[in-house]
Amino acid sequence: MYYIFVENGKINGSGECECLTEGVKNIEVTEKIYNDFIEDNDRYIYQDGEIIPNPDYEEIKREQERQAKNKEIDSKIKELREMSLIDIMNNNKENIQIYNDVISGLEMSRP
């Protein structure tokens, strides 16, 4: 048997055995739902006593992808700024404008 655990109206885990913790509801689910939940627990929500597909799942995934992309851009910008500072310290002004142009391009590419 497969279960998704609900406490205080929110999903808080899953397992193949019932959770014995007081206040935790054990909602029996199919193996497919259980495996989908294990793979990505944003796929389902608890509503009206049932585990149902999350109607906001696609939006959540888009937001997570946007945040990951922004984090990647921030990391690249930080690296370029560090390289630019090294060139400033070495009085290599030729590359500074290139770094600034690349940084501006990265800033503009944010989702």
PDB file of N, CA and C in Angstrom:
ATOM      1  N   MET A   1       0.846  -1.175   0.000  1.00  0.00           N
ATOM      2  CA  MET A   1       0.000   0.000   0.000  1.00  0.00           C
ATOM      3  C   MET A   1       0.892   1.239   0.000  1.00  0.00           C
ATOM      4  N   TYR A   2       0.348   2.318  -0.553  1.00  0.00           N
ATOM      5  CA  TYR A   2       1.090   3.568  -0.685  1.00  0.00           C
ATOM      6  C   TYR A   2       0.289   4.698  -0.051  1.00  0.00           C
ATOM      7  N   TYR A   3       1.000   5.543   0.663  1.00  0.00           N
ATOM      8  CA  TYR A   3       0.327   6.615   1.400  1.00  0.00           C
ATOM      9  C   TYR A   3       1.018   7.953   1.182  1.00  0.00           C
ATOM     10  N   ILE A   4       0.198   8.992   1.203  1.00  0.00           N
ATOM     11  CA  ILE A   4       0.704  10.355   1.309  1.00  0.00           C
ATOM     12  C   ILE A   4       0.173  10.874   2.632  1.00  0.00           C
ATOM     13  N   PHE A   5       1.076  11.488   3.392  1.00  0.00           N
ATOM     14  CA  PHE A   5       0.745  11.940   4.737  1.00  0.00           C
ATOM     15  C   PHE A   5       0.346  13.405   4.715  1.00  0.00           C
ATOM     16  N   VAL A   6      -0.710  13.698   5.469  1.00  0.00           N
ATOM     17  CA  VAL A   6      -1.233  15.066   5.538  1.00  0.00           C
ATOM     18  C   VAL A   6      -1.332  15.459   7.005  1.00  0.00           C
ATOM     19  N   GLU A   7      -0.802  16.648   7.302  1.00  0.00           N
ATOM     20  CA  GLU A   7      -0.881  17.174   8.660  1.00  0.00           C
ATOM     21  C   GLU A   7      -1.265  18.645   8.570  1.00  0.00           C
ATOM     22  N   ASN A   8      -2.243  19.015   9.348  1.00  0.00           N
ATOM     23  CA  ASN A   8      -2.742  20.397   9.344  1.00  0.00           C
ATOM     24  C   ASN A   8      -3.135  20.862   7.944  1.00  0.00           C
ATOM     25  N   GLY A   9      -3.729  19.958   7.171  1.00  0.00           N
ATOM     26  CA  GLY A   9      -4.226  20.302   5.843  1.00  0.00           C
ATOM     27  C   GLY A   9      -3.175  20.390   4.757  1.00  0.00           C
ATOM     28  N   LYS A  10      -1.929  20.012   5.075  1.00  0.00           N
ATOM     29  CA  LYS A  10      -0.839  20.095   4.096  1.00  0.00           C
ATOM     30  C   LYS A  10      -0.123  18.757   3.997  1.00  0.00           C
ATOM     31  N   ILE A  11       0.284  18.423   2.776  1.00  0.00           N
ATOM     32  CA  ILE A  11       1.061  17.208   2.555  1.00  0.00           C
ATOM     33  C   ILE A  11       2.423  17.391   3.210  1.00  0.00           C
ATOM     34  N   ASN A  12       2.835  16.403   3.982  1.00  0.00           N
ATOM     35  CA  ASN A  12       4.137  16.518   4.634  1.00  0.00           C
ATOM     36  C   ASN A  12       5.009  15.277   4.472  1.00  0.00           C
ATOM     37  N   GLY A  13       4.625  14.362   3.577  1.00  0.00           N
ATOM     38  CA  GLY A  13       5.461  13.192   3.367  1.00  0.00           C
ATOM     39  C   GLY A  13       4.711  12.065   2.687  1.00  0.00           C
ATOM     40  N   SER A  14       5.393  10.945   2.558  1.00  0.00           N
ATOM     41  CA  SER A  14       4.793   9.774   1.929  1.00  0.00           C
ATOM     42  C   SER A  14       5.520   8.532   2.401  1.00  0.00           C
ATOM     43  N   GLY A  15       4.910   7.389   2.165  1.00  0.00           N
ATOM     44  CA  GLY A  15       5.550   6.143   2.549  1.00  0.00           C
ATOM     45  C   GLY A  15       4.728   4.937   2.142  1.00  0.00           C
ATOM     46  N   GLU A  16       5.325   3.787   2.336  1.00  0.00           N
ATOM     47  CA  GLU A  16       4.643   2.538   2.007  1.00  0.00           C
ATOM     48  C   GLU A  16       3.988   1.919   3.230  1.00  0.00           C
ATOM     49  N   CYS A  17       4.133   2.570   4.370  1.00  0.00           N
ATOM     50  CA  CYS A  17       3.467   2.167   5.610  1.00  0.00           C
ATOM     51  C   CYS A  17       2.749   3.390   6.160  1.00  0.00           C
ATOM     52  N   GLU A  18       1.722   3.162   6.935  1.00  0.00           N
ATOM     53  CA  GLU A  18       1.011   4.283   7.536  1.00  0.00           C
ATOM     54  C   GLU A  18       1.903   4.989   8.544  1.00  0.00           C
ATOM     55  N   CYS A  19       1.734   6.288   8.608  1.00  0.00           N
ATOM     56  CA  CYS A  19       2.431   7.087   9.613  1.00  0.00           C
ATOM     57  C   CYS A  19       1.592   7.043  10.889  1.00  0.00           C
ATOM     58  N   LEU A  20       2.229   6.736  12.008  1.00  0.00           N
ATOM     59  CA  LEU A  20       1.510   6.579  13.265  1.00  0.00           C
ATOM     60  C   LEU A  20       1.505   7.846  14.115  1.00  0.00           C
ATOM     61  N   THR A  21       2.116   8.910  13.623  1.00  0.00           N
ATOM     62  CA  THR A  21       2.179  10.160  14.372  1.00  0.00           C
ATOM     63  C   THR A  21       0.770  10.732  14.548  1.00  0.00           C
ATOM     64  N   GLU A  22       0.476  11.133  15.771  1.00  0.00           N
ATOM     65  CA  GLU A  22      -0.835  11.700  16.061  1.00  0.00           C
ATOM     66  C   GLU A  22      -1.051  12.963  15.229  1.00  0.00           C
ATOM     67  N   GLY A  23      -2.238  13.079  14.661  1.00  0.00           N
ATOM     68  CA  GLY A  23      -2.584  14.260  13.873  1.00  0.00           C
ATOM     69  C   GLY A  23      -2.252  14.135  12.401  1.00  0.00           C
ATOM     70  N   VAL A  24      -1.618  13.045  12.000  1.00  0.00           N
ATOM     71  CA  VAL A  24      -1.265  12.840  10.595  1.00  0.00           C
ATOM     72  C   VAL A  24      -2.305  11.939   9.944  1.00  0.00           C
ATOM     73  N   LYS A  25      -2.872  12.417   8.838  1.00  0.00           N
ATOM     74  CA  LYS A  25      -3.806  11.594   8.057  1.00  0.00           C
ATOM     75  C   LYS A  25      -2.999  10.792   7.050  1.00  0.00           C
ATOM     76  N   ASN A  26      -3.356   9.546   6.904  1.00  0.00           N
ATOM     77  CA  ASN A  26      -2.729   8.667   5.927  1.00  0.00           C
ATOM     78  C   ASN A  26      -3.700   8.502   4.764  1.00  0.00           C
ATOM     79  N   ILE A  27      -3.387   9.131   3.644  1.00  0.00           N
ATOM     80  CA  ILE A  27      -4.250   9.046   2.466  1.00  0.00           C
ATOM     81  C   ILE A  27      -3.673   7.981   1.547  1.00  0.00           C
ATOM     82  N   GLU A  28      -4.455   6.917   1.342  1.00  0.00           N
ATOM     83  CA  GLU A  28      -3.985   5.849   0.465  1.00  0.00           C
ATOM     84  C   GLU A  28      -4.082   6.310  -0.981  1.00  0.00           C
ATOM     85  N   VAL A  29      -2.985   6.065  -1.753  1.00  0.00           N
ATOM     86  CA  VAL A  29      -2.937   6.482  -3.153  1.00  0.00           C
ATOM     87  C   VAL A  29      -2.455   5.311  -4.002  1.00  0.00           C
ATOM     88  N   THR A  30      -2.608   5.472  -5.302  1.00  0.00           N
ATOM     89  CA  THR A  30      -2.128   4.436  -6.219  1.00  0.00           C
ATOM     90  C   THR A  30      -0.606   4.470  -6.282  1.00  0.00           C
ATOM     91  N   GLU A  31      -0.037   3.407  -6.785  1.00  0.00           N
ATOM     92  CA  GLU A  31       1.418   3.345  -6.938  1.00  0.00           C
ATOM     93  C   GLU A  31       1.907   4.452  -7.879  1.00  0.00           C
ATOM     94  N   LYS A  32       1.139   4.732  -8.932  1.00  0.00           N
ATOM     95  CA  LYS A  32       1.531   5.779  -9.878  1.00  0.00           C
ATOM     96  C   LYS A  32       1.575   7.146  -9.197  1.00  0.00           C
ATOM     97  N   ILE A  33       0.537   7.480  -8.451  1.00  0.00           N
ATOM     98  CA  ILE A  33       0.512   8.770  -7.747  1.00  0.00           C
ATOM     99  C   ILE A  33       1.660   8.821  -6.746  1.00  0.00           C
ATOM    100  N   TYR A  34       1.880   7.747  -6.023  1.00  0.00           N
ATOM    101  CA  TYR A  34       2.972   7.682  -5.050  1.00  0.00           C
ATOM    102  C   TYR A  34       4.317   7.933  -5.740  1.00  0.00           C
ATOM    103  N   ASN A  35       4.567   7.233  -6.838  1.00  0.00           N
ATOM    104  CA  ASN A  35       5.839   7.389  -7.549  1.00  0.00           C
ATOM    105  C   ASN A  35       5.988   8.788  -8.137  1.00  0.00           C
ATOM    106  N   ASP A  36       4.892   9.327  -8.684  1.00  0.00           N
ATOM    107  CA  ASP A  36       4.922  10.708  -9.192  1.00  0.00           C
ATOM    108  C   ASP A  36       5.246  11.679  -8.066  1.00  0.00           C
ATOM    109  N   PHE A  37       4.641  11.455  -6.908  1.00  0.00           N
ATOM    110  CA  PHE A  37       4.868  12.334  -5.754  1.00  0.00           C
ATOM    111  C   PHE A  37       6.319  12.238  -5.282  1.00  0.00           C
ATOM    112  N   ILE A  38       6.856  11.029  -5.239  1.00  0.00           N
ATOM    113  CA  ILE A  38       8.244  10.835  -4.824  1.00  0.00           C
ATOM    114  C   ILE A  38       9.179  11.581  -5.779  1.00  0.00           C
ATOM    115  N   GLU A  39       8.880  11.514  -7.070  1.00  0.00           N
ATOM    116  CA  GLU A  39       9.710  12.185  -8.081  1.00  0.00           C
ATOM    117  C   GLU A  39       9.640  13.702  -7.947  1.00  0.00           C
ATOM    118  N   ASP A  40       8.444  14.233  -7.681  1.00  0.00           N
ATOM    119  CA  ASP A  40       8.273  15.686  -7.587  1.00  0.00           C
ATOM    120  C   ASP A  40       7.040  15.966  -6.736  1.00  0.00           C
ATOM    121  N   ASN A  41       7.271  16.351  -5.475  1.00  0.00           N
ATOM    122  CA  ASN A  41       6.138  16.505  -4.551  1.00  0.00           C
ATOM    123  C   ASN A  41       5.298  17.751  -4.800  1.00  0.00           C
ATOM    124  N   ASP A  42       5.648  18.558  -5.802  1.00  0.00           N
ATOM    125  CA  ASP A  42       4.785  19.688  -6.177  1.00  0.00           C
ATOM    126  C   ASP A  42       3.618  19.260  -7.064  1.00  0.00           C
ATOM    127  N   ARG A  43       3.635  18.028  -7.537  1.00  0.00           N
ATOM    128  CA  ARG A  43       2.606  17.574  -8.487  1.00  0.00           C
ATOM    129  C   ARG A  43       1.213  17.417  -7.873  1.00  0.00           C
ATOM    130  N   TYR A  44       1.172  17.227  -6.569  1.00  0.00           N
ATOM    131  CA  TYR A  44      -0.115  16.948  -5.922  1.00  0.00           C
ATOM    132  C   TYR A  44      -0.334  17.858  -4.724  1.00  0.00           C
ATOM    133  N   ILE A  45      -1.615  18.075  -4.430  1.00  0.00           N
ATOM    134  CA  ILE A  45      -2.009  18.826  -3.243  1.00  0.00           C
ATOM    135  C   ILE A  45      -3.104  18.046  -2.526  1.00  0.00           C
ATOM    136  N   TYR A  46      -3.341  18.439  -1.308  1.00  0.00           N
ATOM    137  CA  TYR A  46      -4.437  17.862  -0.521  1.00  0.00           C
ATOM    138  C   TYR A  46      -5.590  18.841  -0.562  1.00  0.00           C
ATOM    139  N   GLN A  47      -6.754  18.353  -0.988  1.00  0.00           N
ATOM    140  CA  GLN A  47      -7.934  19.220  -1.070  1.00  0.00           C
ATOM    141  C   GLN A  47      -9.187  18.374  -0.854  1.00  0.00           C
ATOM    142  N   ASP A  48     -10.037  18.846   0.022  1.00  0.00           N
ATOM    143  CA  ASP A  48     -11.316  18.184   0.292  1.00  0.00           C
ATOM    144  C   ASP A  48     -11.149  16.697   0.624  1.00  0.00           C
ATOM    145  N   GLY A  49     -10.132  16.384   1.418  1.00  0.00           N
ATOM    146  CA  GLY A  49      -9.937  15.014   1.865  1.00  0.00           C
ATOM    147  C   GLY A  49      -9.269  14.105   0.858  1.00  0.00           C
ATOM    148  N   GLU A  50      -8.795  14.659  -0.268  1.00  0.00           N
ATOM    149  CA  GLU A  50      -8.193  13.832  -1.306  1.00  0.00           C
ATOM    150  C   GLU A  50      -6.853  14.407  -1.756  1.00  0.00           C
ATOM    151  N   ILE A  51      -6.046  13.550  -2.332  1.00  0.00           N
ATOM    152  CA  ILE A  51      -4.819  13.966  -2.999  1.00  0.00           C
ATOM    153  C   ILE A  51      -5.193  14.150  -4.466  1.00  0.00           C
ATOM    154  N   ILE A  52      -5.000  15.373  -4.965  1.00  0.00           N
ATOM    155  CA  ILE A  52      -5.383  15.680  -6.347  1.00  0.00           C
ATOM    156  C   ILE A  52      -4.201  16.323  -7.080  1.00  0.00           C
ATOM    157  N   PRO A  53      -4.220  16.275  -8.423  1.00  0.00           N
ATOM    158  CA  PRO A  53      -3.168  16.969  -9.178  1.00  0.00           C
ATOM    159  C   PRO A  53      -3.180  18.463  -8.846  1.00  0.00           C
ATOM    160  N   ASN A  54      -2.015  19.021  -8.678  1.00  0.00           N
ATOM    161  CA  ASN A  54      -1.883  20.436  -8.342  1.00  0.00           C
ATOM    162  C   ASN A  54      -2.225  21.277  -9.575  1.00  0.00           C
ATOM    163  N   PRO A  55      -3.288  22.073  -9.505  1.00  0.00           N
ATOM    164  CA  PRO A  55      -3.655  22.884 -10.675  1.00  0.00           C
ATOM    165  C   PRO A  55      -2.620  23.969 -10.981  1.00  0.00           C
ATOM    166  N   ASP A  56      -1.749  24.282 -10.034  1.00  0.00           N
ATOM    167  CA  ASP A  56      -0.718  25.308 -10.227  1.00  0.00           C
ATOM    168  C   ASP A  56       0.647  24.714 -10.553  1.00  0.00           C
ATOM    169  N   TYR A  57       0.691  23.418 -10.823  1.00  0.00           N
ATOM    170  CA  TYR A  57       1.965  22.730 -11.016  1.00  0.00           C
ATOM    171  C   TYR A  57       2.817  23.367 -12.117  1.00  0.00           C
ATOM    172  N   GLU A  58       2.239  23.618 -13.278  1.00  0.00           N
ATOM    173  CA  GLU A  58       3.000  24.182 -14.400  1.00  0.00           C
ATOM    174  C   GLU A  58       3.547  25.566 -14.036  1.00  0.00           C
ATOM    175  N   GLU A  59       2.749  26.357 -13.369  1.00  0.00           N
ATOM    176  CA  GLU A  59       3.186  27.697 -12.955  1.00  0.00           C
ATOM    177  C   GLU A  59       4.341  27.595 -11.943  1.00  0.00           C
ATOM    178  N   ILE A  60       4.244  26.660 -11.017  1.00  0.00           N
ATOM    179  CA  ILE A  60       5.308  26.453 -10.029  1.00  0.00           C
ATOM    180  C   ILE A  60       6.605  26.063 -10.732  1.00  0.00           C
ATOM    181  N   LYS A  61       6.518  25.152 -11.693  1.00  0.00           N
ATOM    182  CA  LYS A  61       7.702  24.704 -12.422  1.00  0.00           C
ATOM    183  C   LYS A  61       8.314  25.862 -13.217  1.00  0.00           C
ATOM    184  N   ARG A  62       7.480  26.676 -13.867  1.00  0.00           N
ATOM    185  CA  ARG A  62       7.996  27.835 -14.611  1.00  0.00           C
ATOM    186  C   ARG A  62       8.731  28.794 -13.673  1.00  0.00           C
ATOM    187  N   GLU A  63       8.169  29.039 -12.502  1.00  0.00           N
ATOM    188  CA  GLU A  63       8.797  29.940 -11.544  1.00  0.00           C
ATOM    189  C   GLU A  63      10.124  29.359 -11.043  1.00  0.00           C
ATOM    190  N   GLN A  64      10.164  28.064 -10.789  1.00  0.00           N
ATOM    191  CA  GLN A  64      11.407  27.430 -10.360  1.00  0.00           C
ATOM    192  C   GLN A  64      12.478  27.519 -11.446  1.00  0.00           C
ATOM    193  N   GLU A  65      12.071  27.320 -12.698  1.00  0.00           N
ATOM    194  CA  GLU A  65      13.008  27.441 -13.817  1.00  0.00           C
ATOM    195  C   GLU A  65      13.501  28.876 -13.954  1.00  0.00           C
ATOM    196  N   ARG A  66      12.622  29.847 -13.774  1.00  0.00           N
ATOM    197  CA  ARG A  66      12.988  31.258 -13.853  1.00  0.00           C
ATOM    198  C   ARG A  66      14.007  31.591 -12.766  1.00  0.00           C
ATOM    199  N   GLN A  67      13.748  31.114 -11.558  1.00  0.00           N
ATOM    200  CA  GLN A  67      14.666  31.371 -10.453  1.00  0.00           C
ATOM    201  C   GLN A  67      16.025  30.716 -10.692  1.00  0.00           C
ATOM    202  N   ALA A  68      16.023  29.505 -11.241  1.00  0.00           N
ATOM    203  CA  ALA A  68      17.287  28.815 -11.531  1.00  0.00           C
ATOM    204  C   ALA A  68      18.071  29.569 -12.598  1.00  0.00           C
ATOM    205  N   LYS A  69      17.376  30.054 -13.622  1.00  0.00           N
ATOM    206  CA  LYS A  69      18.023  30.818 -14.689  1.00  0.00           C
ATOM    207  C   LYS A  69      18.626  32.107 -14.121  1.00  0.00           C
ATOM    208  N   ASN A  70      17.877  32.800 -13.273  1.00  0.00           N
ATOM    209  CA  ASN A  70      18.383  34.030 -12.668  1.00  0.00           C
ATOM    210  C   ASN A  70      19.597  33.753 -11.783  1.00  0.00           C
ATOM    211  N   LYS A  71      19.575  32.657 -11.072  1.00  0.00           N
ATOM    212  CA  LYS A  71      20.717  32.294 -10.224  1.00  0.00           C
ATOM    213  C   LYS A  71      21.946  32.029 -11.091  1.00  0.00           C
ATOM    214  N   GLU A  72      21.744  31.351 -12.206  1.00  0.00           N
ATOM    215  CA  GLU A  72      22.844  31.087 -13.139  1.00  0.00           C
ATOM    216  C   GLU A  72      23.401  32.399 -13.705  1.00  0.00           C
ATOM    217  N   ILE A  73      22.512  33.310 -14.080  1.00  0.00           N
ATOM    218  CA  ILE A  73      22.937  34.618 -14.594  1.00  0.00           C
ATOM    219  C   ILE A  73      23.707  35.381 -13.527  1.00  0.00           C
ATOM    220  N   ASP A  74      23.197  35.384 -12.295  1.00  0.00           N
ATOM    221  CA  ASP A  74      23.886  36.072 -11.196  1.00  0.00           C
ATOM    222  C   ASP A  74      25.301  35.528 -11.013  1.00  0.00           C
ATOM    223  N   SER A  75      25.440  34.231 -11.109  1.00  0.00           N
ATOM    224  CA  SER A  75      26.745  33.595 -10.944  1.00  0.00           C
ATOM    225  C   SER A  75      27.708  34.038 -12.058  1.00  0.00           C
ATOM    226  N   LYS A  76      27.222  34.069 -13.301  1.00  0.00           N
ATOM    227  CA  LYS A  76      28.057  34.499 -14.422  1.00  0.00           C
ATOM    228  C   LYS A  76      28.446  35.970 -14.282  1.00  0.00           C
ATOM    229  N   ILE A  77      27.490  36.799 -13.861  1.00  0.00           N
ATOM    230  CA  ILE A  77      27.779  38.221 -13.676  1.00  0.00           C
ATOM    231  C   ILE A  77      28.837  38.410 -12.590  1.00  0.00           C
ATOM    232  N   LYS A  78      28.702  37.689 -11.505  1.00  0.00           N
ATOM    233  CA  LYS A  78      29.689  37.791 -10.420  1.00  0.00           C
ATOM    234  C   LYS A  78      31.077  37.415 -10.928  1.00  0.00           C
ATOM    235  N   GLU A  79      31.154  36.343 -11.680  1.00  0.00           N
ATOM    236  CA  GLU A  79      32.435  35.897 -12.232  1.00  0.00           C
ATOM    237  C   GLU A  79      33.029  36.962 -13.162  1.00  0.00           C
ATOM    238  N   LEU A  80      32.194  37.537 -14.029  1.00  0.00           N
ATOM    239  CA  LEU A  80      32.676  38.573 -14.948  1.00  0.00           C
ATOM    240  C   LEU A  80      33.125  39.824 -14.204  1.00  0.00           C
ATOM    241  N   ARG A  81      32.414  40.201 -13.165  1.00  0.00           N
ATOM    242  CA  ARG A  81      32.816  41.377 -12.383  1.00  0.00           C
ATOM    243  C   ARG A  81      34.161  41.145 -11.694  1.00  0.00           C
ATOM    244  N   GLU A  82      34.360  39.930 -11.216  1.00  0.00           N
ATOM    245  CA  GLU A  82      35.649  39.607 -10.600  1.00  0.00           C
ATOM    246  C   GLU A  82      36.772  39.677 -11.634  1.00  0.00           C
ATOM    247  N   MET A  83      36.506  39.159 -12.824  1.00  0.00           N
ATOM    248  CA  MET A  83      37.508  39.230 -13.891  1.00  0.00           C
ATOM    249  C   MET A  83      37.775  40.682 -14.282  1.00  0.00           C
ATOM    250  N   SER A  84      36.729  41.483 -14.321  1.00  0.00           N
ATOM    251  CA  SER A  84      36.862  42.900 -14.656  1.00  0.00           C
ATOM    252  C   SER A  84      37.717  43.618 -13.614  1.00  0.00           C
ATOM    253  N   LEU A  85      37.501  43.317 -12.345  1.00  0.00           N
ATOM    254  CA  LEU A  85      38.299  43.934 -11.288  1.00  0.00           C
ATOM    255  C   LEU A  85      39.776  43.562 -11.412  1.00  0.00           C
ATOM    256  N   ILE A  86      40.032  42.332 -11.777  1.00  0.00           N
ATOM    257  CA  ILE A  86      41.421  41.911 -11.972  1.00  0.00           C
ATOM    258  C   ILE A  86      42.054  42.723 -13.101  1.00  0.00           C
ATOM    259  N   ASP A  87      41.304  42.912 -14.192  1.00  0.00           N
ATOM    260  CA  ASP A  87      41.825  43.708 -15.306  1.00  0.00           C
ATOM    261  C   ASP A  87      42.016  45.169 -14.909  1.00  0.00           C
ATOM    262  N   ILE A  88      41.128  45.705 -14.089  1.00  0.00           N
ATOM    263  CA  ILE A  88      41.288  47.084 -13.614  1.00  0.00           C
ATOM    264  C   ILE A  88      42.573  47.188 -12.797  1.00  0.00           C
ATOM    265  N   MET A  89      42.793  46.222 -11.909  1.00  0.00           N
ATOM    266  CA  MET A  89      43.990  46.241 -11.070  1.00  0.00           C
ATOM    267  C   MET A  89      45.261  46.092 -11.910  1.00  0.00           C
ATOM    268  N   ASN A  90      45.161  45.378 -13.020  1.00  0.00           N
ATOM    269  CA  ASN A  90      46.312  45.187 -13.903  1.00  0.00           C
ATOM    270  C   ASN A  90      46.377  46.256 -14.991  1.00  0.00           C
ATOM    271  N   ASN A  91      45.510  47.250 -14.885  1.00  0.00           N
ATOM    272  CA  ASN A  91      45.456  48.364 -15.832  1.00  0.00           C
ATOM    273  C   ASN A  91      45.219  47.895 -17.266  1.00  0.00           C
ATOM    274  N   ASN A  92      44.427  46.842 -17.419  1.00  0.00           N
ATOM    275  CA  ASN A  92      44.072  46.318 -18.734  1.00  0.00           C
ATOM    276  C   ASN A  92      42.668  46.814 -19.084  1.00  0.00           C
ATOM    277  N   LYS A  93      42.581  48.033 -19.555  1.00  0.00           N
ATOM    278  CA  LYS A  93      41.294  48.690 -19.789  1.00  0.00           C
ATOM    279  C   LYS A  93      40.569  48.176 -21.035  1.00  0.00           C
ATOM    280  N   GLU A  94      41.272  47.493 -21.902  1.00  0.00           N
ATOM    281  CA  GLU A  94      40.672  47.012 -23.152  1.00  0.00           C
ATOM    282  C   GLU A  94      39.534  46.021 -22.894  1.00  0.00           C
ATOM    283  N   ASN A  95      39.718  45.148 -21.920  1.00  0.00           N
ATOM    284  CA  ASN A  95      38.718  44.114 -21.658  1.00  0.00           C
ATOM    285  C   ASN A  95      37.549  44.606 -20.818  1.00  0.00           C
ATOM    286  N   ILE A  96      37.725  45.701 -20.122  1.00  0.00           N
ATOM    287  CA  ILE A  96      36.693  46.174 -19.193  1.00  0.00           C
ATOM    288  C   ILE A  96      35.384  46.456 -19.917  1.00  0.00           C
ATOM    289  N   GLN A  97      35.443  47.113 -21.073  1.00  0.00           N
ATOM    290  CA  GLN A  97      34.217  47.406 -21.818  1.00  0.00           C
ATOM    291  C   GLN A  97      33.560  46.115 -22.310  1.00  0.00           C
ATOM    292  N   ILE A  98      34.381  45.143 -22.685  1.00  0.00           N
ATOM    293  CA  ILE A  98      33.841  43.848 -23.122  1.00  0.00           C
ATOM    294  C   ILE A  98      33.073  43.196 -21.975  1.00  0.00           C
ATOM    295  N   TYR A  99      33.680  43.180 -20.783  1.00  0.00           N
ATOM    296  CA  TYR A  99      32.992  42.617 -19.620  1.00  0.00           C
ATOM    297  C   TYR A  99      31.685  43.347 -19.354  1.00  0.00           C
ATOM    298  N   ASN A 100      31.731  44.672 -19.398  1.00  0.00           N
ATOM    299  CA  ASN A 100      30.525  45.464 -19.139  1.00  0.00           C
ATOM    300  C   ASN A 100      29.438  45.175 -20.166  1.00  0.00           C
ATOM    301  N   ASP A 101      29.820  45.022 -21.434  1.00  0.00           N
ATOM    302  CA  ASP A 101      28.841  44.704 -22.482  1.00  0.00           C
ATOM    303  C   ASP A 101      28.220  43.328 -22.248  1.00  0.00           C
ATOM    304  N   VAL A 102      29.047  42.357 -21.880  1.00  0.00           N
ATOM    305  CA  VAL A 102      28.530  40.999 -21.626  1.00  0.00           C
ATOM    306  C   VAL A 102      27.607  41.017 -20.408  1.00  0.00           C
ATOM    307  N   ILE A 103      28.011  41.737 -19.363  1.00  0.00           N
ATOM    308  CA  ILE A 103      27.176  41.836 -18.163  1.00  0.00           C
ATOM    309  C   ILE A 103      25.836  42.481 -18.500  1.00  0.00           C
ATOM    310  N   SER A 104      25.854  43.544 -19.294  1.00  0.00           N
ATOM    311  CA  SER A 104      24.598  44.195 -19.703  1.00  0.00           C
ATOM    312  C   SER A 104      23.710  43.236 -20.479  1.00  0.00           C
ATOM    313  N   GLY A 105      24.322  42.462 -21.365  1.00  0.00           N
ATOM    314  CA  GLY A 105      23.560  41.468 -22.137  1.00  0.00           C
ATOM    315  C   GLY A 105      22.931  40.419 -21.235  1.00  0.00           C
ATOM    316  N   LEU A 106      23.692  39.981 -20.248  1.00  0.00           N
ATOM    317  CA  LEU A 106      23.152  38.988 -19.311  1.00  0.00           C
ATOM    318  C   LEU A 106      21.990  39.577 -18.503  1.00  0.00           C
ATOM    319  N   GLU A 107      22.159  40.813 -18.055  1.00  0.00           N
ATOM    320  CA  GLU A 107      21.082  41.485 -17.293  1.00  0.00           C
ATOM    321  C   GLU A 107      19.811  41.563 -18.137  1.00  0.00           C
ATOM    322  N   MET A 108      19.973  41.856 -19.419  1.00  0.00           N
ATOM    323  CA  MET A 108      18.812  41.987 -20.319  1.00  0.00           C
ATOM    324  C   MET A 108      18.158  40.638 -20.610  1.00  0.00           C
ATOM    325  N   SER A 109      18.902  39.551 -20.439  1.00  0.00           N
ATOM    326  CA  SER A 109      18.362  38.231 -20.779  1.00  0.00           C
ATOM    327  C   SER A 109      17.581  37.596 -19.644  1.00  0.00           C
ATOM    328  N   ARG A 110      17.468  38.284 -18.519  1.00  0.00           N
ATOM    329  CA  ARG A 110      16.722  37.710 -17.390  1.00  0.00           C
ATOM    330  C   ARG A 110      15.269  37.437 -17.792  1.00  0.00           C
ATOM    331  N   PRO A 111      14.789  36.275 -17.367  1.00  0.00           N
ATOM    332  CA  PRO A 111      13.368  35.958 -17.657  1.00  0.00           C
ATOM    333  C   PRO A 111      12.427  36.766 -16.782  1.00  0.00           C
TER     334      PRO A 111
END
